[in-house]
Protein backbone atom coordinates (compact mmCIF):
# COMPACT_ATOMS: atom_id res chain seq x y z
CA UNK A 1 -113.91 252.04 93.82
CA UNK A 2 -114.32 254.96 96.23
CA UNK A 3 -112.77 254.92 99.71
CA UNK A 4 -113.29 257.32 102.62
CA UNK A 5 -110.92 257.51 105.60
CA UNK A 6 -111.80 259.28 108.85
CA UNK A 7 -108.42 260.61 109.97
CA UNK A 8 -107.50 261.00 113.68
CA UNK A 9 -108.19 264.15 115.70
CA UNK A 10 -104.67 265.10 116.85
CA UNK A 11 -101.86 266.54 114.77
CA UNK A 12 -99.31 263.85 115.60
CA UNK A 13 -101.83 261.08 114.98
CA UNK A 14 -102.79 262.55 111.59
CA UNK A 15 -99.12 262.51 110.61
CA UNK A 16 -98.80 258.91 111.83
CA UNK A 17 -101.85 257.95 109.75
CA UNK A 18 -100.02 258.82 106.52
CA UNK A 19 -98.53 255.30 106.49
CA UNK A 20 -102.08 253.91 106.61
CA UNK A 21 -103.17 256.08 103.68
CA UNK A 22 -100.14 254.93 101.68
CA UNK A 23 -100.95 251.29 102.45
CA UNK A 24 -104.59 251.73 101.36
CA UNK A 25 -103.37 253.36 98.15
CA UNK A 26 -101.04 250.40 97.54
CA UNK A 27 -103.85 247.85 98.06
CA UNK A 28 -106.36 249.79 95.97
CA UNK A 29 -104.25 251.58 93.30
CA UNK A 30 -107.23 252.45 91.10
CA UNK A 31 -109.46 253.76 93.91
CA UNK A 32 -110.30 257.40 94.63
CA UNK A 33 -109.33 257.91 98.27
CA UNK A 34 -110.96 260.76 100.22
CA UNK A 35 -110.52 261.77 103.85
CA UNK A 36 -112.44 263.49 106.64
CA UNK A 37 -110.33 265.48 109.09
CA UNK A 38 -110.83 268.02 111.85
CA UNK A 39 -111.09 271.42 110.18
CA UNK A 40 -108.08 272.85 112.05
CA UNK A 41 -105.89 270.07 110.61
CA UNK A 42 -107.08 270.23 107.00
CA UNK A 43 -103.87 272.03 105.96
CA UNK A 44 -101.85 268.96 106.95
CA UNK A 45 -104.30 266.52 105.35
CA UNK A 46 -103.78 268.31 102.04
CA UNK A 47 -100.09 267.34 102.22
CA UNK A 48 -100.80 263.60 102.56
CA UNK A 49 -99.84 261.88 99.29
CA UNK A 50 -102.56 259.99 97.48
CA UNK A 51 -105.68 261.71 98.77
CA UNK A 52 -108.22 262.70 96.13
CA UNK A 53 -110.30 265.04 98.30
CA UNK A 54 -110.30 266.28 101.90
CA UNK A 55 -113.56 267.02 103.74
CA UNK A 56 -112.96 269.35 106.74
CA UNK A 57 -115.21 268.55 109.71
CA UNK A 58 -115.96 271.11 112.43
CA UNK A 59 -117.61 270.08 115.71
CA UNK A 60 -118.60 273.72 116.20
CA UNK A 61 -120.54 273.72 112.92
CA UNK A 62 -121.83 270.16 113.39
CA UNK A 63 -122.12 269.67 117.18
CA UNK A 64 -122.86 266.39 118.90
CA UNK A 65 -123.94 263.09 117.40
CA UNK A 66 -126.72 264.78 115.43
CA UNK A 67 -124.17 267.08 113.86
CA UNK A 68 -121.90 264.15 112.95
CA UNK A 69 -124.88 262.39 111.36
CA UNK A 70 -125.81 265.49 109.34
CA UNK A 71 -122.25 265.86 108.08
CA UNK A 72 -122.00 262.20 107.08
CA UNK A 73 -125.37 262.24 105.35
CA UNK A 74 -124.17 265.08 103.11
CA UNK A 75 -121.59 262.69 101.66
CA UNK A 76 -124.05 259.94 100.69
CA UNK A 77 -124.07 261.08 97.07
CA UNK A 78 -120.40 260.07 96.87
CA UNK A 79 -121.47 256.41 97.22
CA UNK A 80 -118.38 255.20 99.02
CA UNK A 81 -117.54 251.52 98.89
CA UNK A 82 -115.29 251.50 101.97
CA UNK A 83 -115.14 253.68 105.08
CA UNK A 84 -112.14 253.30 107.41
CA UNK A 85 -112.46 254.83 110.88
CA UNK A 86 -109.22 255.64 112.75
CA UNK A 87 -110.29 257.78 115.78
CA UNK A 88 -111.63 256.09 118.92
CA UNK A 89 -114.74 258.26 118.70
CA UNK A 90 -118.44 257.46 118.79
CA UNK A 91 -119.24 260.53 116.69
CA UNK A 92 -116.86 259.27 113.98
CA UNK A 93 -118.72 255.96 113.89
CA UNK A 94 -122.06 257.77 113.57
CA UNK A 95 -120.60 259.91 110.80
CA UNK A 96 -119.38 256.87 108.91
CA UNK A 97 -122.72 255.12 109.26
CA UNK A 98 -124.49 258.22 107.93
CA UNK A 99 -122.38 258.21 104.74
CA UNK A 100 -124.04 254.97 103.69
CA UNK A 101 -120.69 253.40 102.78
CA UNK A 102 -121.15 249.74 101.83
CA UNK A 103 -118.49 248.53 104.25
CA UNK A 104 -117.51 250.44 107.38
CA UNK A 105 -114.27 249.24 108.98
CA UNK A 106 -112.91 250.16 112.40
CA UNK A 107 -111.81 249.04 115.83
CA UNK A 108 -114.38 247.84 118.35
CA UNK A 109 -113.31 250.47 120.90
CA UNK A 110 -116.47 252.55 121.27
CA UNK A 111 -120.02 251.68 122.28
CA UNK A 112 -121.20 252.31 118.73
CA UNK A 113 -119.07 249.59 117.16
CA UNK A 114 -122.33 247.98 115.95
CA UNK A 115 -122.45 250.80 113.40
CA UNK A 116 -119.50 249.13 111.67
CA UNK A 117 -119.89 246.27 109.22
CA UNK A 118 -116.38 245.05 110.04
CA UNK A 119 -115.20 245.60 113.63
CA UNK A 120 -111.78 244.37 114.74
CA UNK A 121 -109.79 244.20 117.95
CA UNK A 122 -107.14 246.85 118.41
CA UNK A 123 -103.67 245.36 119.16
CA UNK A 124 -102.23 246.17 122.58
CA UNK A 125 -98.97 247.98 123.29
CA UNK A 126 -97.88 248.66 119.71
CA UNK A 127 -96.84 251.85 117.99
CA UNK A 128 -99.73 254.02 116.81
CA UNK A 129 -98.66 253.57 113.16
CA UNK A 130 -98.73 249.78 113.54
CA UNK A 131 -102.10 249.99 115.28
CA UNK A 132 -103.62 251.80 112.30
CA UNK A 133 -101.98 249.39 109.86
CA UNK A 134 -103.35 246.39 111.75
CA UNK A 135 -106.86 247.56 110.88
CA UNK A 136 -106.10 247.22 107.17
CA UNK A 137 -104.26 243.95 107.72
CA UNK A 138 -107.22 242.42 109.55
CA UNK A 139 -109.63 243.61 106.87
CA UNK A 140 -107.55 242.41 103.90
CA UNK A 141 -105.98 239.36 105.56
CA UNK A 142 -102.56 240.41 104.28
CA UNK A 143 -99.39 241.55 106.07
CA UNK A 144 -98.13 245.04 105.24
CA UNK A 145 -94.43 245.91 105.55
CA UNK A 146 -91.97 248.68 104.66
CA UNK A 147 -93.97 251.43 106.34
CA UNK A 148 -92.99 255.09 106.33
CA UNK A 149 -94.65 258.24 107.62
CA UNK A 150 -94.40 261.03 105.06
CA UNK A 151 -95.91 264.36 104.04
CA UNK A 152 -95.46 265.70 100.52
CA UNK A 153 -93.93 269.18 100.46
CA UNK A 154 -91.52 271.02 98.19
CA UNK A 155 -88.31 270.24 100.04
CA UNK A 156 -85.42 272.70 99.66
CA UNK A 157 -82.28 271.56 97.90
CA UNK A 158 -80.15 272.56 100.87
CA UNK A 159 -80.98 273.00 104.56
CA UNK A 160 -79.99 276.07 106.54
CA UNK A 161 -77.24 274.55 108.69
CA UNK A 162 -77.29 277.62 110.93
CA UNK A 163 -80.88 277.23 112.15
CA UNK A 164 -82.30 274.85 114.76
CA UNK A 165 -85.99 274.80 115.61
CA UNK A 166 -87.07 274.53 119.25
CA UNK A 167 -90.46 273.33 120.46
CA UNK A 168 -90.96 273.13 124.23
CA UNK A 169 -94.77 273.13 124.01
CA UNK A 170 -97.32 270.38 124.50
CA UNK A 171 -101.07 270.15 125.05
CA UNK A 172 -100.33 268.11 128.20
CA UNK A 173 -98.55 269.84 131.08
CA UNK A 174 -96.69 266.61 131.85
CA UNK A 175 -95.04 266.73 128.40
CA UNK A 176 -94.33 270.47 128.39
CA UNK A 177 -90.88 271.72 129.27
CA UNK A 178 -90.79 273.62 132.60
CA UNK A 179 -89.91 277.29 132.04
CA UNK A 180 -86.71 277.30 134.10
CA UNK A 181 -85.47 274.11 132.47
CA UNK A 182 -86.28 275.51 129.05
CA UNK A 183 -84.27 278.64 129.81
CA UNK A 184 -81.34 276.56 131.05
CA UNK A 185 -81.36 274.39 127.92
CA UNK A 186 -81.52 277.32 125.50
CA UNK A 187 -78.71 279.11 127.38
CA UNK A 188 -76.55 275.99 127.09
CA UNK A 189 -77.31 275.71 123.38
CA UNK A 190 -76.58 279.35 122.51
CA UNK A 191 -73.31 279.23 124.47
CA UNK A 192 -72.20 276.03 122.72
CA UNK A 193 -73.36 276.63 119.14
CA UNK A 194 -72.27 280.27 118.72
CA UNK A 195 -73.01 280.57 115.00
CA UNK A 196 -76.50 279.03 115.16
CA UNK A 197 -79.91 280.70 115.39
CA UNK A 198 -82.51 278.96 117.57
CA UNK A 199 -86.08 279.47 116.34
CA UNK A 200 -88.94 278.74 118.73
CA UNK A 201 -92.16 277.47 117.19
CA UNK A 202 -95.68 276.95 118.53
CA UNK A 203 -99.34 277.70 118.02
CA UNK A 204 -100.86 281.15 118.72
CA UNK A 205 -102.10 279.99 122.14
CA UNK A 206 -98.57 278.81 123.01
CA UNK A 207 -96.91 282.13 122.11
CA UNK A 208 -97.13 283.53 125.65
CA UNK A 209 -95.40 280.43 127.07
CA UNK A 210 -92.61 280.76 124.49
CA UNK A 211 -92.20 284.46 125.27
CA UNK A 212 -91.83 283.61 128.96
CA UNK A 213 -88.95 281.24 128.24
CA UNK A 214 -87.20 283.69 125.91
CA UNK A 215 -87.61 286.59 128.38
CA UNK A 216 -85.29 284.89 130.88
CA UNK A 217 -82.82 283.55 128.33
CA UNK A 218 -79.36 284.82 127.41
CA UNK A 219 -78.01 285.59 123.92
CA UNK A 220 -81.40 286.78 122.66
CA UNK A 221 -79.82 288.10 119.46
CA UNK A 222 -79.65 284.46 118.26
CA UNK A 223 -83.14 283.49 119.39
CA UNK A 224 -86.25 283.88 117.20
CA UNK A 225 -89.90 283.52 118.17
CA UNK A 226 -92.07 282.12 115.37
CA UNK A 227 -94.83 280.88 117.71
CA UNK A 228 -98.20 281.72 116.19
CA UNK A 229 -96.60 283.13 113.03
CA UNK A 230 -96.90 280.14 110.68
CA UNK A 231 -99.73 277.91 109.53
CA UNK A 232 -99.18 274.14 109.54
CA UNK A 233 -98.13 273.96 105.89
CA UNK A 234 -95.71 276.85 106.42
CA UNK A 235 -94.35 275.15 109.51
CA UNK A 236 -93.60 272.02 107.48
CA UNK A 237 -91.67 274.14 105.00
CA UNK A 238 -89.72 275.80 107.81
CA UNK A 239 -88.88 272.39 109.25
CA UNK A 240 -87.68 271.06 105.91
CA UNK A 241 -85.36 274.09 105.59
CA UNK A 242 -83.82 273.77 109.07
CA UNK A 243 -80.79 271.80 110.23
CA UNK A 244 -82.63 270.03 113.07
CA UNK A 245 -85.39 270.36 115.65
CA UNK A 246 -85.27 269.93 119.42
CA UNK A 247 -88.79 269.15 120.59
CA UNK A 248 -90.97 267.67 123.27
CA UNK A 249 -93.25 264.71 122.51
CA UNK A 250 -95.86 266.58 120.48
CA UNK A 251 -97.34 267.10 117.02
CA UNK A 252 -94.35 269.10 115.70
CA UNK A 253 -92.05 266.16 116.50
CA UNK A 254 -94.05 264.01 114.07
CA UNK A 255 -94.27 266.79 111.50
CA UNK A 256 -90.49 267.25 111.47
CA UNK A 257 -89.88 263.51 111.27
CA UNK A 258 -92.32 263.18 108.35
CA UNK A 259 -90.43 265.72 106.21
CA UNK A 260 -87.00 264.26 106.99
CA UNK A 261 -85.74 266.88 109.45
CA UNK A 262 -83.25 265.50 112.01
CA UNK A 263 -85.32 265.28 115.18
CA UNK A 264 -84.32 265.15 118.85
CA UNK A 265 -87.36 264.33 121.01
CA UNK A 266 -87.46 264.87 124.77
CA UNK A 267 -89.88 262.50 126.48
CA UNK A 268 -91.56 263.08 129.83
CA UNK A 269 -94.98 261.50 130.21
CA UNK A 270 -95.99 259.33 127.29
CA UNK A 271 -94.50 256.08 126.06
CA UNK A 272 -91.96 256.44 123.25
CA UNK A 273 -92.60 252.83 122.21
CA UNK A 274 -96.17 253.81 121.27
CA UNK A 275 -95.99 257.44 120.15
CA UNK A 276 -92.42 258.41 119.24
CA UNK A 277 -91.88 259.64 115.67
CA UNK A 278 -91.99 256.55 113.46
CA UNK A 279 -89.19 257.05 110.92
CA UNK A 280 -85.96 255.96 112.64
CA UNK A 281 -83.52 257.74 110.31
CA UNK A 282 -82.18 261.00 111.81
CA UNK A 283 -84.13 260.46 115.03
CA UNK A 284 -82.90 260.63 118.63
CA UNK A 285 -85.22 259.98 121.57
CA UNK A 286 -84.10 261.13 125.03
CA UNK A 287 -85.65 260.60 128.43
CA UNK A 288 -84.37 260.79 132.01
CA UNK A 289 -85.50 257.24 132.71
CA UNK A 290 -84.54 257.01 136.39
CA UNK A 291 -87.89 257.71 138.07
CA UNK A 292 -90.08 254.79 139.09
CA UNK A 293 -93.11 256.55 137.61
CA UNK A 294 -91.63 256.71 134.09
CA UNK A 295 -93.28 256.51 131.70
CA UNK A 296 -96.78 257.55 132.70
CA UNK A 297 -99.70 258.65 130.53
CA UNK A 298 -101.09 261.36 132.81
CA UNK A 299 -101.60 264.91 131.58
CA UNK A 300 -100.45 266.44 134.88
CA UNK A 301 -97.84 265.32 137.40
CA UNK A 302 -99.59 264.69 140.73
CA UNK A 303 -96.42 263.28 142.32
CA UNK A 304 -93.99 266.20 141.94
CA UNK A 305 -96.19 269.12 140.87
CA UNK A 306 -94.01 269.70 137.82
CA UNK A 307 -92.91 267.06 135.28
CA UNK A 308 -89.69 266.07 137.04
CA UNK A 309 -89.00 263.60 134.24
CA UNK A 310 -88.56 266.63 131.96
CA UNK A 311 -86.72 268.69 134.57
CA UNK A 312 -84.04 266.01 135.03
CA UNK A 313 -83.15 265.36 131.37
CA UNK A 314 -79.37 265.61 130.96
CA UNK A 315 -78.42 268.72 128.97
CA UNK A 316 -75.12 267.14 127.93
CA UNK A 317 -77.11 264.38 126.23
CA UNK A 318 -79.11 267.04 124.39
CA UNK A 319 -75.88 268.69 123.24
CA UNK A 320 -74.51 265.37 122.08
CA UNK A 321 -77.66 264.56 120.16
CA UNK A 322 -77.74 267.90 118.36
CA UNK A 323 -74.00 267.87 117.62
CA UNK A 324 -74.39 264.88 115.29
CA UNK A 325 -76.81 266.91 113.13
CA UNK A 326 -75.06 270.33 113.14
């Protein structure tokens, strides 16, 4: 049997889909399991255990629905038996239809659900991992338990207990740490943990934001800026070698959690019951929790101008959370 899985389009969601891939592998142990993933995230897909091949898909190279169809048609020679679609995307449904897979399984979220042979209802208000798993449960008629999100990397024998990673970035402004709050937090951390180096991470486009925070911070001799200096696979290795990570609700939070790094996640917008890192061991989730608007799912804060839910997070709680891991 040959199985093709269309992975999600966001870093955190790809990480959360690893439990789905593991479950498919458990149900079909003799199958060859391939995946399609956004080209920028192919480095992470290569770390997902159990995948036979990864097909990088670029919307720039294959634009629009016609492009998705052309890409899918190129895979017809693989003669897939099953195609599982995880993104809520019409182009992904077109792509799956073009592969000619015998059975195409997905949620009936998009207008093109008729392109699926097996369309199911997505469960409401559940964690993203459980949402993906429900697709396989509805298709197979069997309950799946003992889920874990995991990436396969060469983990170091011993972590560097003197290094903590810091990620204050997010695609959404409402989940990004305000600059002044970020400076206040890092000053508190460097004053408290005097023998620890704090390493900022981020993508190349986030480097300027990180530099702005560091520019106004104290104790710069114990602050590093790795933003834009690692690829995703290298970032996973750095996470696995660090004592802990302090991060906003973002892709790196899920990456760190998937490689077993103690993770402290600061939530602003976004609902931790749906999108917090899934593995509960060595995980602490913090939010202010006293505003009537919490949690929201908006990308910008129209009420306060800045994400006040991030601005008001108690720094003593952050210290307490990190202390248990250092």
